[in-house]
Protein backbone atom coordinates (compact mmCIF):
# COMPACT_ATOMS: atom_id res chain seq x y z
CA MET A 1 101.19 87.19 83.87
CA ASN A 2 101.09 83.94 81.91
CA ILE A 3 100.56 81.34 84.64
CA SER A 4 101.56 78.43 82.44
CA ALA A 5 104.99 80.00 81.87
CA VAL A 6 105.75 80.61 85.57
CA SER A 7 107.99 78.00 87.19
CA GLN A 8 107.16 79.08 90.74
CA PRO A 9 104.65 81.51 92.27
CA PRO A 10 105.77 85.11 92.80
CA PRO A 11 106.13 86.43 96.39
CA PHE A 12 103.04 88.63 95.89
CA LEU A 13 100.37 89.58 93.37
CA TYR A 14 98.27 92.72 93.02
CA LEU A 15 94.58 92.04 92.34
CA TYR A 16 92.55 94.96 91.00
CA LEU A 17 88.82 94.21 91.33
CA SER A 18 87.25 97.68 91.24
CA TYR A 19 84.30 98.65 89.04
CA ASN A 20 86.47 99.56 86.03
CA TYR A 21 88.57 96.39 85.97
CA ASP A 22 89.43 94.84 82.62
CA ASP A 23 89.26 91.29 81.24
CA TYR A 24 92.77 90.56 82.52
CA ASP A 25 91.78 91.54 86.08
CA LYS A 26 88.66 89.36 85.84
CA LEU A 27 90.82 86.25 85.45
CA PHE A 28 90.80 86.13 89.25
CA TYR A 29 87.26 84.75 89.09
CA LYS A 30 88.17 81.78 86.89
CA ASP A 31 88.26 78.58 88.91
CA GLN A 32 91.26 77.19 87.03
CA ASN A 33 93.41 80.06 88.36
CA GLN A 34 92.66 79.47 92.04
CA GLY A 35 95.21 76.71 92.49
CA PHE A 36 97.98 79.06 91.38
CA LEU A 37 96.73 81.94 93.54
CA GLN A 38 96.59 79.73 96.63
CA ASN A 39 100.36 79.27 96.39
CA VAL A 40 101.12 83.01 96.28
CA PRO A 41 102.21 84.10 99.81
CA TRP A 42 100.75 87.61 99.59
CA LEU A 43 97.75 88.86 97.61
CA ILE A 44 97.30 92.63 97.61
CA LEU A 45 93.71 93.40 96.65
CA LYS A 46 92.00 96.66 95.77
CA SER A 47 88.25 96.81 95.20
CA ASP A 48 85.25 99.09 95.63
CA GLN A 49 82.81 96.25 94.93
CA TYR A 50 81.04 93.67 97.12
CA PHE A 51 82.16 90.67 95.07
CA ALA A 52 81.23 87.93 97.55
CA PRO A 53 78.24 86.75 95.44
CA TYR A 54 80.53 85.67 92.62
CA LEU A 55 82.78 83.68 94.96
CA PHE A 56 79.81 81.35 95.48
CA LEU A 57 79.97 80.57 91.74
CA ILE A 58 83.61 79.43 91.87
CA PRO A 59 83.56 75.62 92.34
CA SER A 60 86.73 75.44 94.45
CA PHE A 61 85.19 77.88 96.99
CA GLN A 62 81.68 76.49 97.18
CA GLU A 63 82.13 73.74 99.77
CA GLU A 64 83.99 75.94 102.26
CA LEU A 65 81.64 78.89 101.75
CA GLY A 66 78.67 76.59 102.26
CA ARG A 67 80.05 75.57 105.65
CA LEU A 68 80.85 79.14 106.66
CA PHE A 69 77.55 80.63 105.48
CA PRO A 70 74.75 78.05 105.37
CA ASP A 71 72.29 80.94 105.05
CA THR A 72 73.49 82.78 101.95
CA GLU A 73 71.39 85.84 102.75
CA THR A 74 73.44 86.64 105.85
CA VAL A 75 76.98 86.67 104.42
CA PHE A 76 77.47 90.43 104.55
CA HIS A 77 75.55 90.71 107.82
CA HIS A 78 78.05 88.44 109.58
CA LEU A 79 81.11 89.92 107.86
CA VAL A 80 80.27 93.55 108.57
CA ARG A 81 79.34 92.95 112.21
CA TYR A 82 82.50 90.92 112.79
CA LEU A 83 84.99 93.09 110.90
CA PHE A 84 83.69 96.68 111.12
CA HIS A 85 83.68 98.28 114.55
CA PRO A 86 83.21 102.00 115.25
CA SER A 87 86.03 103.90 116.91
CA ASN A 88 85.33 105.42 120.32
CA GLN A 89 84.71 108.77 118.64
CA ALA A 90 82.22 107.32 116.16
CA TRP A 91 80.52 105.24 118.86
CA GLY A 92 80.06 108.38 120.93
CA LEU A 93 78.25 110.07 118.03
CA ILE A 94 76.06 107.00 117.53
CA THR A 95 75.02 106.54 121.15
CA ARG A 96 74.44 110.23 121.87
CA PHE A 97 72.19 110.61 118.83
CA TYR A 98 70.32 107.38 119.56
CA HIS A 99 69.61 108.13 123.20
CA SER A 100 68.72 111.77 122.49
CA TYR A 101 66.30 111.21 119.60
CA LEU A 102 65.49 107.56 118.91
CA ALA A 103 65.54 105.45 122.06
CA THR A 104 62.02 106.24 123.31
CA ALA A 105 60.25 106.03 119.93
CA ASP A 106 57.79 103.20 119.28
CA GLN A 107 59.11 102.90 115.74
CA ARG A 108 62.34 104.08 114.15
CA ILE A 109 62.26 104.82 110.42
CA GLY A 110 65.27 105.43 108.22
CA LEU A 111 64.86 108.08 105.53
CA GLN A 112 61.80 108.08 103.30
CA GLU A 113 58.49 109.86 103.06
CA LYS A 114 56.57 107.20 101.13
CA LEU A 115 56.28 104.92 104.17
CA LEU A 116 55.34 107.65 106.61
CA PRO A 117 51.87 108.49 107.95
CA LYS A 118 49.84 110.83 105.76
CA VAL A 119 49.13 114.32 107.00
CA ASP A 120 45.56 115.57 107.38
CA GLU A 121 45.21 118.54 105.02
CA GLU A 122 41.84 119.51 106.51
CA LYS A 123 42.70 119.66 110.21
CA GLN A 124 45.05 121.94 112.09
CA ILE A 125 44.90 120.04 115.40
CA ALA A 126 45.65 116.34 115.85
CA THR A 127 42.87 113.99 116.92
CA SER A 128 43.06 113.30 120.64
CA SER A 129 44.12 109.74 121.41
CA LYS A 130 45.64 107.96 124.39
CA ASN A 131 47.25 105.33 122.16
CA ARG A 132 49.32 107.50 119.88
CA THR A 133 52.36 105.90 118.30
CA SER A 134 55.60 107.87 118.30
CA ARG A 135 57.75 107.53 115.21
CA ALA A 136 61.31 108.80 114.92
CA ILE A 137 62.53 109.44 111.38
CA THR A 138 66.26 109.59 110.74
CA ILE A 139 67.30 111.21 107.48
CA ALA A 140 70.81 110.47 106.24
CA SER A 141 71.75 112.77 103.38
CA LEU A 142 74.49 115.14 102.35
CA TYR A 143 71.82 117.80 101.86
CA PRO A 144 69.43 119.48 104.34
CA GLU A 145 66.52 119.94 101.91
CA TYR A 146 64.99 116.49 102.48
CA TYR A 147 65.09 116.96 106.23
CA GLU A 148 63.59 120.44 106.09
CA SER A 149 60.78 119.36 103.75
CA ILE A 150 59.70 116.34 105.81
CA LYS A 151 60.11 118.14 109.14
CA ASN A 152 57.97 121.06 107.97
CA MET A 153 55.30 118.76 106.58
CA TYR A 154 54.76 117.10 109.97
CA TRP A 155 55.07 120.39 111.83
CA MET A 156 52.50 122.25 109.73
CA LYS A 157 49.89 119.46 109.60
CA PRO A 158 48.83 116.67 112.00
CA THR A 159 48.91 113.04 110.89
CA VAL A 160 45.67 111.32 109.92
CA ASN A 161 45.97 108.75 112.72
CA GLY A 162 47.31 111.12 115.36
CA ASP A 163 50.83 109.64 115.43
CA VAL A 164 53.56 111.80 116.90
CA ILE A 165 56.37 112.28 114.38
CA GLY A 166 59.93 113.40 115.12
CA VAL A 167 62.29 114.11 112.22
CA TYR A 168 66.06 114.20 112.76
CA GLN A 169 69.19 114.54 110.64
CA PRO A 170 72.58 113.91 112.25
CA SER A 171 74.50 116.01 109.71
CA HIS A 172 74.40 117.52 106.23
CA GLU A 173 77.90 117.88 104.86
CA GLU A 174 76.73 119.19 101.43
CA PHE A 175 79.34 117.18 99.49
CA GLN A 176 81.51 114.12 99.94
CA GLN A 177 84.88 115.07 101.40
CA PHE A 178 87.45 112.49 100.38
CA GLY A 179 90.35 112.18 102.78
CA ASN A 180 88.60 114.08 105.59
CA ASN A 181 88.61 111.72 108.56
CA ILE A 182 86.00 113.67 110.56
CA HIS A 183 83.67 113.52 107.55
CA ASN A 184 84.27 109.76 107.32
CA ILE A 185 83.56 109.29 111.05
CA LYS A 186 80.24 111.13 110.68
CA ALA A 187 79.32 108.97 107.69
CA TRP A 188 80.17 105.77 109.57
CA ALA A 189 78.14 106.97 112.55
CA GLU A 190 75.12 107.68 110.33
CA ILE A 191 75.37 104.24 108.73
CA ASN A 192 75.25 102.69 112.20
CA ILE A 193 72.34 104.93 113.22
CA LEU A 194 70.36 103.88 110.13
CA SER A 195 71.05 100.24 110.96
CA LEU A 196 69.11 100.73 114.21
CA SER A 197 65.89 101.46 112.29
CA ASP A 198 62.83 99.24 112.39
CA VAL A 199 61.99 100.24 108.81
CA LEU A 200 64.72 101.25 106.37
CA VAL A 201 64.44 102.90 102.96
CA THR A 202 67.54 103.22 100.79
CA SER A 203 68.32 104.77 97.43
CA SER A 204 69.07 102.54 94.48
CA TRP A 205 72.79 101.77 93.99
CA SER A 206 73.50 103.13 97.48
CA THR A 207 76.56 101.49 99.02
CA PHE A 208 75.87 103.67 102.08
CA GLY A 209 72.48 101.99 102.36
CA TYR A 210 73.89 98.52 101.66
CA VAL A 211 76.14 98.71 104.71
CA ALA A 212 73.32 100.00 106.93
CA GLN A 213 70.97 97.19 105.92
CA GLY A 214 73.72 94.62 106.43
CA LEU A 215 74.60 95.91 109.89
CA GLY A 216 70.96 95.91 110.94
CA GLY A 217 69.99 92.65 109.26
CA LEU A 218 67.24 94.55 107.42
CA LYS A 219 65.48 94.04 104.10
CA PRO A 220 65.07 97.65 103.00
CA TRP A 221 62.59 99.32 100.73
CA ILE A 222 64.49 100.58 97.67
CA LEU A 223 63.58 104.02 96.34
CA TYR A 224 64.18 104.31 92.62
CA VAL A 225 65.32 107.67 91.34
CA PRO A 226 63.43 108.64 88.13
CA THR A 227 65.68 108.98 85.09
CA GLY A 228 64.37 111.14 82.27
CA ASP A 229 60.86 110.07 81.26
CA ARG A 230 61.30 106.54 82.59
CA THR A 231 59.01 105.47 85.41
CA THR A 232 58.30 102.17 87.14
CA ASP A 233 55.16 100.49 88.44
CA GLN A 234 56.98 99.89 91.73
CA PRO A 235 58.89 103.04 92.67
CA CYS A 236 59.74 101.66 96.12
CA PRO A 237 59.82 97.82 96.16
CA ARG A 238 61.01 95.64 99.05
CA ALA A 239 64.46 94.09 98.64
CA MET A 240 64.50 90.31 98.18
CA SER A 241 67.33 89.95 100.70
CA MET A 242 69.50 91.99 103.07
CA GLU A 243 72.58 91.35 100.90
CA PRO A 244 74.29 94.16 98.93
CA CYS A 245 74.46 94.12 95.16
CA PHE A 246 77.64 93.22 93.26
CA HIS A 247 77.23 95.92 90.63
CA PHE A 248 79.81 94.80 88.08
CA PRO A 249 80.30 91.01 88.06
CA PRO A 250 82.69 89.53 85.48
CA ASN A 251 81.39 88.12 82.20
CA TYR A 252 77.97 89.56 82.80
CA TYR A 253 78.15 90.85 79.27
CA LYS A 254 79.67 88.74 76.55
CA ASN A 255 82.95 90.04 75.15
CA THR A 256 81.63 89.84 71.59
CA GLY A 257 80.17 93.33 71.70
CA SER A 258 76.60 92.03 71.59
CA ARG A 259 76.03 93.02 75.23
CA ARG A 260 73.91 89.90 75.67
CA ARG A 261 73.14 89.47 79.34
CA LEU A 262 73.82 86.21 81.14
CA ALA A 263 70.78 84.46 82.62
CA THR A 264 71.14 84.90 86.37
CA ALA A 265 68.49 82.28 87.06
CA SER A 266 70.78 79.63 85.57
CA LEU A 267 73.81 80.59 87.66
CA ALA A 268 72.72 79.19 91.04
CA PRO A 269 69.50 79.05 93.08
CA HIS A 270 70.92 81.54 95.60
CA ILE A 271 72.01 84.13 92.99
CA ARG A 272 69.57 86.68 91.58
CA GLN A 273 69.70 89.82 89.50
CA CYS A 274 69.73 92.91 91.72
CA GLU A 275 66.54 94.92 92.05
CA ASP A 276 68.34 98.24 91.66
CA ALA A 277 71.06 97.35 89.15
CA THR A 278 70.26 95.19 86.13
CA SER A 279 73.97 94.62 85.59
CA GLY A 280 74.46 93.23 89.10
CA ILE A 281 73.92 90.04 91.07
CA LYS A 282 73.16 89.41 94.74
CA LEU A 283 72.86 86.56 97.20
CA VAL A 284 69.43 85.43 98.40
CA ASN A 285 68.18 82.69 100.69
CA ASP A 286 67.07 79.82 98.45
CA LYS A 287 65.96 77.61 101.34
CA PRO A 288 62.24 77.49 102.23
CA LEU A 289 61.33 79.04 105.56
């Protein structure tokens, strides 16, 4: 639609802001188009992206967003806790699992072996101690192999420090089942269960993990998945904020074909390049503690 040629706003507009949107769709993010959009009675929006970080770069939104979210690291945390509520069925799954396996643990850990106590390869019996720490590990995965491997490791060998380790997996559906509501309820329950962790480890690019960290107000450790022969000095770094990554922001690459990346440091003090997606941006807290 050519806005300059429209005499009056249409009754509705469809905004497509998913990962594969084109340059025409990205016009939504241009500040000069916001005045026109504000006069459209209905905006129908479809997106699979967390595009809130870019809204903070649109001048006409900045003042209002600054009042709503003075701490830019907590935008998603407030939104998800206010807008997303489990159904009674999902809440039943969450509470039954929590009280059965996690409630009495001294520490609750979501997912990953790297942060867990080392096993003692030499001993078969744990060192006696009155001050043992109990740790409950929740593994959220479509596959049972991770659960079986970690569970067997702590079953076959004691920990070096004598900690008592429990390993649990709510479900393993094997593959994502689109359109299956029971499958979706289980996934939503597991996201909520992960959000109850004291320590959370997520996979890179994991929207599942993003929601869990937002619900729990957690800065996760991000586990990078090796690709080919590429390795990193920090295979599991700590996230700089609890905010999700906006994987595909507009104009991140120039349209000239040069694929020259925009300098995120020059965008705003509270916008940074994502740790797990070099193409993405995320919100951080730029205020000193």
